[in-house]
Amino acid sequence: CPKCESIDKANRQQDKHLFTCQNCGYQSNDDRVAAINIKELGHRYLSSEKKPRFEKVVPIQNY
């Protein structure tokens, strides 16, 4: 979640392209949330503030 940084797969409803944070209630389009999160990771990396976490990405086979 770009607002509270909670990570939970239940936050995303892929069929509706909707992100709803189970922790704080933040709601937006899931692609927009992904873009915000990528922007924030880049900002943290370049500013040497809080180092971002990078996790292994597994490709979706039937996408």
PDB file of N, CA and C in Angstrom:
ATOM      1  N   CYS A   1       0.844  -1.185   0.000  1.00  0.00           N
ATOM      2  CA  CYS A   1       0.000   0.000   0.000  1.00  0.00           C
ATOM      3  C   CYS A   1       0.886   1.244   0.000  1.00  0.00           C
ATOM      4  N   PRO A   2       0.655   2.168  -0.920  1.00  0.00           N
ATOM      5  CA  PRO A   2       1.476   3.372  -0.959  1.00  0.00           C
ATOM      6  C   PRO A   2       1.233   4.311   0.231  1.00  0.00           C
ATOM      7  N   LYS A   3       0.155   4.110   0.944  1.00  0.00           N
ATOM      8  CA  LYS A   3      -0.163   4.978   2.074  1.00  0.00           C
ATOM      9  C   LYS A   3       0.427   4.447   3.389  1.00  0.00           C
ATOM     10  N   CYS A   4       0.227   3.142   3.678  1.00  0.00           N
ATOM     11  CA  CYS A   4       0.682   2.589   4.964  1.00  0.00           C
ATOM     12  C   CYS A   4       1.781   1.537   4.814  1.00  0.00           C
ATOM     13  N   GLU A   5       2.171   1.213   3.581  1.00  0.00           N
ATOM     14  CA  GLU A   5       3.221   0.243   3.246  1.00  0.00           C
ATOM     15  C   GLU A   5       2.881  -1.195   3.621  1.00  0.00           C
ATOM     16  N   SER A   6       1.620  -1.472   3.843  1.00  0.00           N
ATOM     17  CA  SER A   6       1.180  -2.835   4.124  1.00  0.00           C
ATOM     18  C   SER A   6       1.279  -3.661   2.840  1.00  0.00           C
ATOM     19  N   ILE A   7       1.712  -4.914   2.981  1.00  0.00           N
ATOM     20  CA  ILE A   7       1.809  -5.817   1.830  1.00  0.00           C
ATOM     21  C   ILE A   7       0.911  -7.018   2.096  1.00  0.00           C
ATOM     22  N   ASP A   8      -0.089  -7.198   1.248  1.00  0.00           N
ATOM     23  CA  ASP A   8      -1.027  -8.309   1.402  1.00  0.00           C
ATOM     24  C   ASP A   8      -1.653  -8.587   0.038  1.00  0.00           C
ATOM     25  N   LYS A   9      -1.550  -9.816  -0.429  1.00  0.00           N
ATOM     26  CA  LYS A   9      -2.118 -10.165  -1.736  1.00  0.00           C
ATOM     27  C   LYS A   9      -3.626  -9.953  -1.773  1.00  0.00           C
ATOM     28  N   ALA A  10      -4.273  -9.996  -0.614  1.00  0.00           N
ATOM     29  CA  ALA A  10      -5.726  -9.804  -0.555  1.00  0.00           C
ATOM     30  C   ALA A  10      -6.126  -8.364  -0.877  1.00  0.00           C
ATOM     31  N   ASN A  11      -5.162  -7.445  -0.905  1.00  0.00           N
ATOM     32  CA  ASN A  11      -5.459  -6.045  -1.214  1.00  0.00           C
ATOM     33  C   ASN A  11      -5.890  -5.844  -2.662  1.00  0.00           C
ATOM     34  N   ARG A  12      -5.510  -6.751  -3.535  1.00  0.00           N
ATOM     35  CA  ARG A  12      -5.722  -6.547  -4.973  1.00  0.00           C
ATOM     36  C   ARG A  12      -6.827  -7.439  -5.511  1.00  0.00           C
ATOM     37  N   GLN A  13      -7.780  -6.829  -6.211  1.00  0.00           N
ATOM     38  CA  GLN A  13      -8.832  -7.563  -6.908  1.00  0.00           C
ATOM     39  C   GLN A  13      -8.527  -7.447  -8.401  1.00  0.00           C
ATOM     40  N   GLN A  14      -7.831  -8.453  -8.939  1.00  0.00           N
ATOM     41  CA  GLN A  14      -7.365  -8.388 -10.322  1.00  0.00           C
ATOM     42  C   GLN A  14      -8.497  -8.261 -11.328  1.00  0.00           C
ATOM     43  N   ASP A  15      -9.600  -8.946 -11.101  1.00  0.00           N
ATOM     44  CA  ASP A  15     -10.697  -8.915 -12.075  1.00  0.00           C
ATOM     45  C   ASP A  15     -11.322  -7.527 -12.201  1.00  0.00           C
ATOM     46  N   LYS A  16     -11.241  -6.719 -11.148  1.00  0.00           N
ATOM     47  CA  LYS A  16     -11.800  -5.364 -11.164  1.00  0.00           C
ATOM     48  C   LYS A  16     -10.720  -4.291 -11.296  1.00  0.00           C
ATOM     49  N   HIS A  17      -9.443  -4.707 -11.338  1.00  0.00           N
ATOM     50  CA  HIS A  17      -8.311  -3.768 -11.359  1.00  0.00           C
ATOM     51  C   HIS A  17      -8.410  -2.781 -10.197  1.00  0.00           C
ATOM     52  N   LEU A  18      -8.765  -3.323  -9.029  1.00  0.00           N
ATOM     53  CA  LEU A  18      -8.988  -2.494  -7.853  1.00  0.00           C
ATOM     54  C   LEU A  18      -8.051  -2.902  -6.726  1.00  0.00           C
ATOM     55  N   PHE A  19      -7.444  -1.913  -6.091  1.00  0.00           N
ATOM     56  CA  PHE A  19      -6.600  -2.120  -4.923  1.00  0.00           C
ATOM     57  C   PHE A  19      -7.322  -1.515  -3.727  1.00  0.00           C
ATOM     58  N   THR A  20      -7.564  -2.323  -2.699  1.00  0.00           N
ATOM     59  CA  THR A  20      -8.160  -1.844  -1.455  1.00  0.00           C
ATOM     60  C   THR A  20      -7.315  -2.375  -0.310  1.00  0.00           C
ATOM     61  N   CYS A  21      -6.643  -1.491   0.410  1.00  0.00           N
ATOM     62  CA  CYS A  21      -5.771  -1.906   1.506  1.00  0.00           C
ATOM     63  C   CYS A  21      -6.611  -2.431   2.668  1.00  0.00           C
ATOM     64  N   GLN A  22      -6.311  -3.644   3.091  1.00  0.00           N
ATOM     65  CA  GLN A  22      -7.021  -4.256   4.209  1.00  0.00           C
ATOM     66  C   GLN A  22      -6.631  -3.612   5.537  1.00  0.00           C
ATOM     67  N   ASN A  23      -5.483  -2.927   5.553  1.00  0.00           N
ATOM     68  CA  ASN A  23      -4.979  -2.313   6.785  1.00  0.00           C
ATOM     69  C   ASN A  23      -5.532  -0.903   7.008  1.00  0.00           C
ATOM     70  N   CYS A  24      -5.436  -0.031   5.979  1.00  0.00           N
ATOM     71  CA  CYS A  24      -5.825   1.376   6.175  1.00  0.00           C
ATOM     72  C   CYS A  24      -7.041   1.804   5.359  1.00  0.00           C
ATOM     73  N   GLY A  25      -7.481   0.962   4.412  1.00  0.00           N
ATOM     74  CA  GLY A  25      -8.659   1.283   3.620  1.00  0.00           C
ATOM     75  C   GLY A  25      -8.391   2.082   2.353  1.00  0.00           C
ATOM     76  N   TYR A  26      -7.120   2.409   2.072  1.00  0.00           N
ATOM     77  CA  TYR A  26      -6.781   3.151   0.847  1.00  0.00           C
ATOM     78  C   TYR A  26      -7.286   2.375  -0.359  1.00  0.00           C
ATOM     79  N   GLN A  27      -7.876   3.077  -1.330  1.00  0.00           N
ATOM     80  CA  GLN A  27      -8.438   2.419  -2.498  1.00  0.00           C
ATOM     81  C   GLN A  27      -8.076   3.185  -3.766  1.00  0.00           C
ATOM     82  N   SER A  28      -7.672   2.435  -4.808  1.00  0.00           N
ATOM     83  CA  SER A  28      -7.331   3.041  -6.091  1.00  0.00           C
ATOM     84  C   SER A  28      -7.237   1.946  -7.144  1.00  0.00           C
ATOM     85  N   ASN A  29      -7.012   2.357  -8.383  1.00  0.00           N
ATOM     86  CA  ASN A  29      -6.756   1.432  -9.479  1.00  0.00           C
ATOM     87  C   ASN A  29      -5.448   0.696  -9.192  1.00  0.00           C
ATOM     88  N   ASP A  30      -5.417  -0.616  -9.422  1.00  0.00           N
ATOM     89  CA  ASP A  30      -4.230  -1.400  -9.074  1.00  0.00           C
ATOM     90  C   ASP A  30      -2.992  -1.022  -9.888  1.00  0.00           C
ATOM     91  N   ASP A  31      -3.164  -0.632 -11.147  1.00  0.00           N
ATOM     92  CA  ASP A  31      -2.015  -0.202 -11.953  1.00  0.00           C
ATOM     93  C   ASP A  31      -1.449   1.120 -11.438  1.00  0.00           C
ATOM     94  N   ARG A  32      -2.319   2.001 -10.993  1.00  0.00           N
ATOM     95  CA  ARG A  32      -1.874   3.282 -10.423  1.00  0.00           C
ATOM     96  C   ARG A  32      -1.068   3.041  -9.144  1.00  0.00           C
ATOM     97  N   VAL A  33      -1.548   2.130  -8.299  1.00  0.00           N
ATOM     98  CA  VAL A  33      -0.844   1.803  -7.058  1.00  0.00           C
ATOM     99  C   VAL A  33       0.533   1.220  -7.369  1.00  0.00           C
ATOM    100  N   ALA A  34       0.607   0.358  -8.385  1.00  0.00           N
ATOM    101  CA  ALA A  34       1.896  -0.215  -8.781  1.00  0.00           C
ATOM    102  C   ALA A  34       2.857   0.881  -9.229  1.00  0.00           C
ATOM    103  N   ALA A  35       2.372   1.829 -10.022  1.00  0.00           N
ATOM    104  CA  ALA A  35       3.217   2.935 -10.491  1.00  0.00           C
ATOM    105  C   ALA A  35       3.697   3.795  -9.326  1.00  0.00           C
ATOM    106  N   ILE A  36       2.817   4.068  -8.371  1.00  0.00           N
ATOM    107  CA  ILE A  36       3.202   4.848  -7.187  1.00  0.00           C
ATOM    108  C   ILE A  36       4.281   4.110  -6.407  1.00  0.00           C
ATOM    109  N   ASN A  37       4.112   2.806  -6.227  1.00  0.00           N
ATOM    110  CA  ASN A  37       5.089   2.013  -5.474  1.00  0.00           C
ATOM    111  C   ASN A  37       6.445   1.969  -6.175  1.00  0.00           C
ATOM    112  N   ILE A  38       6.454   1.832  -7.493  1.00  0.00           N
ATOM    113  CA  ILE A  38       7.714   1.823  -8.247  1.00  0.00           C
ATOM    114  C   ILE A  38       8.398   3.177  -8.143  1.00  0.00           C
ATOM    115  N   LYS A  39       7.632   4.249  -8.260  1.00  0.00           N
ATOM    116  CA  LYS A  39       8.182   5.606  -8.121  1.00  0.00           C
ATOM    117  C   LYS A  39       8.811   5.792  -6.740  1.00  0.00           C
ATOM    118  N   GLU A  40       8.129   5.338  -5.714  1.00  0.00           N
ATOM    119  CA  GLU A  40       8.637   5.482  -4.343  1.00  0.00           C
ATOM    120  C   GLU A  40       9.912   4.659  -4.134  1.00  0.00           C
ATOM    121  N   LEU A  41       9.959   3.448  -4.670  1.00  0.00           N
ATOM    122  CA  LEU A  41      11.175   2.627  -4.568  1.00  0.00           C
ATOM    123  C   LEU A  41      12.353   3.324  -5.241  1.00  0.00           C
ATOM    124  N   GLY A  42      12.123   3.890  -6.422  1.00  0.00           N
ATOM    125  CA  GLY A  42      13.178   4.616  -7.130  1.00  0.00           C
ATOM    126  C   GLY A  42      13.642   5.829  -6.355  1.00  0.00           C
ATOM    127  N   HIS A  43      12.704   6.572  -5.787  1.00  0.00           N
ATOM    128  CA  HIS A  43      13.050   7.756  -4.990  1.00  0.00           C
ATOM    129  C   HIS A  43      13.906   7.366  -3.786  1.00  0.00           C
ATOM    130  N   ARG A  44      13.494   6.313  -3.079  1.00  0.00           N
ATOM    131  CA  ARG A  44      14.266   5.853  -1.913  1.00  0.00           C
ATOM    132  C   ARG A  44      15.662   5.388  -2.321  1.00  0.00           C
ATOM    133  N   TYR A  45      15.734   4.680  -3.439  1.00  0.00           N
ATOM    134  CA  TYR A  45      17.026   4.172  -3.903  1.00  0.00           C
ATOM    135  C   TYR A  45      17.962   5.321  -4.260  1.00  0.00           C
ATOM    136  N   LEU A  46      17.459   6.306  -5.003  1.00  0.00           N
ATOM    137  CA  LEU A  46      18.296   7.420  -5.449  1.00  0.00           C
ATOM    138  C   LEU A  46      18.660   8.378  -4.323  1.00  0.00           C
ATOM    139  N   SER A  47      17.796   8.533  -3.347  1.00  0.00           N
ATOM    140  CA  SER A  47      18.055   9.479  -2.261  1.00  0.00           C
ATOM    141  C   SER A  47      18.835   8.846  -1.116  1.00  0.00           C
ATOM    142  N   SER A  48      19.048   7.553  -1.169  1.00  0.00           N
ATOM    143  CA  SER A  48      19.769   6.806  -0.126  1.00  0.00           C
ATOM    144  C   SER A  48      19.110   6.932   1.237  1.00  0.00           C
ATOM    145  N   GLU A  49      17.806   7.205   1.251  1.00  0.00           N
ATOM    146  CA  GLU A  49      17.071   7.222   2.511  1.00  0.00           C
ATOM    147  C   GLU A  49      16.899   5.776   2.959  1.00  0.00           C
ATOM    148  N   LYS A  50      15.694   5.396   3.202  1.00  0.00           N
ATOM    149  CA  LYS A  50      15.363   4.036   3.582  1.00  0.00           C
ATOM    150  C   LYS A  50      15.546   3.138   2.354  1.00  0.00           C
ATOM    151  N   LYS A  51      16.437   2.168   2.443  1.00  0.00           N
ATOM    152  CA  LYS A  51      16.704   1.293   1.298  1.00  0.00           C
ATOM    153  C   LYS A  51      15.483   0.433   0.984  1.00  0.00           C
ATOM    154  N   PRO A  52      15.093   0.381  -0.274  1.00  0.00           N
ATOM    155  CA  PRO A  52      13.910  -0.404  -0.650  1.00  0.00           C
ATOM    156  C   PRO A  52      14.163  -1.898  -0.571  1.00  0.00           C
ATOM    157  N   ARG A  53      13.078  -2.651  -0.380  1.00  0.00           N
ATOM    158  CA  ARG A  53      13.147  -4.115  -0.409  1.00  0.00           C
ATOM    159  C   ARG A  53      12.840  -4.554  -1.830  1.00  0.00           C
ATOM    160  N   PHE A  54      13.647  -5.433  -2.330  1.00  0.00           N
ATOM    161  CA  PHE A  54      13.379  -6.015  -3.635  1.00  0.00           C
ATOM    162  C   PHE A  54      13.141  -7.497  -3.429  1.00  0.00           C
ATOM    163  N   GLU A  55      12.001  -7.974  -3.892  1.00  0.00           N
ATOM    164  CA  GLU A  55      11.658  -9.377  -3.747  1.00  0.00           C
ATOM    165  C   GLU A  55      11.674 -10.045  -5.114  1.00  0.00           C
ATOM    166  N   LYS A  56      11.866 -11.350  -5.102  1.00  0.00           N
ATOM    167  CA  LYS A  56      11.868 -12.105  -6.345  1.00  0.00           C
ATOM    168  C   LYS A  56      10.499 -11.999  -7.015  1.00  0.00           C
ATOM    169  N   VAL A  57      10.509 -11.720  -8.295  1.00  0.00           N
ATOM    170  CA  VAL A  57       9.274 -11.598  -9.065  1.00  0.00           C
ATOM    171  C   VAL A  57       9.058 -12.885  -9.843  1.00  0.00           C
ATOM    172  N   VAL A  58       7.865 -13.427  -9.748  1.00  0.00           N
ATOM    173  CA  VAL A  58       7.519 -14.644 -10.468  1.00  0.00           C
ATOM    174  C   VAL A  58       6.554 -14.261 -11.591  1.00  0.00           C
ATOM    175  N   PRO A  59       6.905 -14.557 -12.847  1.00  0.00           N
ATOM    176  CA  PRO A  59       6.025 -14.183 -13.961  1.00  0.00           C
ATOM    177  C   PRO A  59       4.696 -14.933 -13.910  1.00  0.00           C
ATOM    178  N   ILE A  60       3.642 -14.261 -14.340  1.00  0.00           N
ATOM    179  CA  ILE A  60       2.323 -14.881 -14.423  1.00  0.00           C
ATOM    180  C   ILE A  60       2.241 -15.589 -15.769  1.00  0.00           C
ATOM    181  N   GLN A  61       1.974 -16.879 -15.746  1.00  0.00           N
ATOM    182  CA  GLN A  61       1.992 -17.685 -16.964  1.00  0.00           C
ATOM    183  C   GLN A  61       0.810 -17.403 -17.889  1.00  0.00           C
ATOM    184  N   ASN A  62      -0.382 -17.243 -17.356  1.00  0.00           N
ATOM    185  CA  ASN A  62      -1.587 -17.103 -18.177  1.00  0.00           C
ATOM    186  C   ASN A  62      -2.058 -15.663 -18.241  1.00  0.00           C
ATOM    187  N   TYR A  63      -1.163 -14.732 -18.428  1.00  0.00           N
ATOM    188  CA  TYR A  63      -1.554 -13.330 -18.456  1.00  0.00           C
ATOM    189  C   TYR A  63      -1.625 -12.829 -19.854  1.00  0.00           C
TER     190      TYR A  63
END
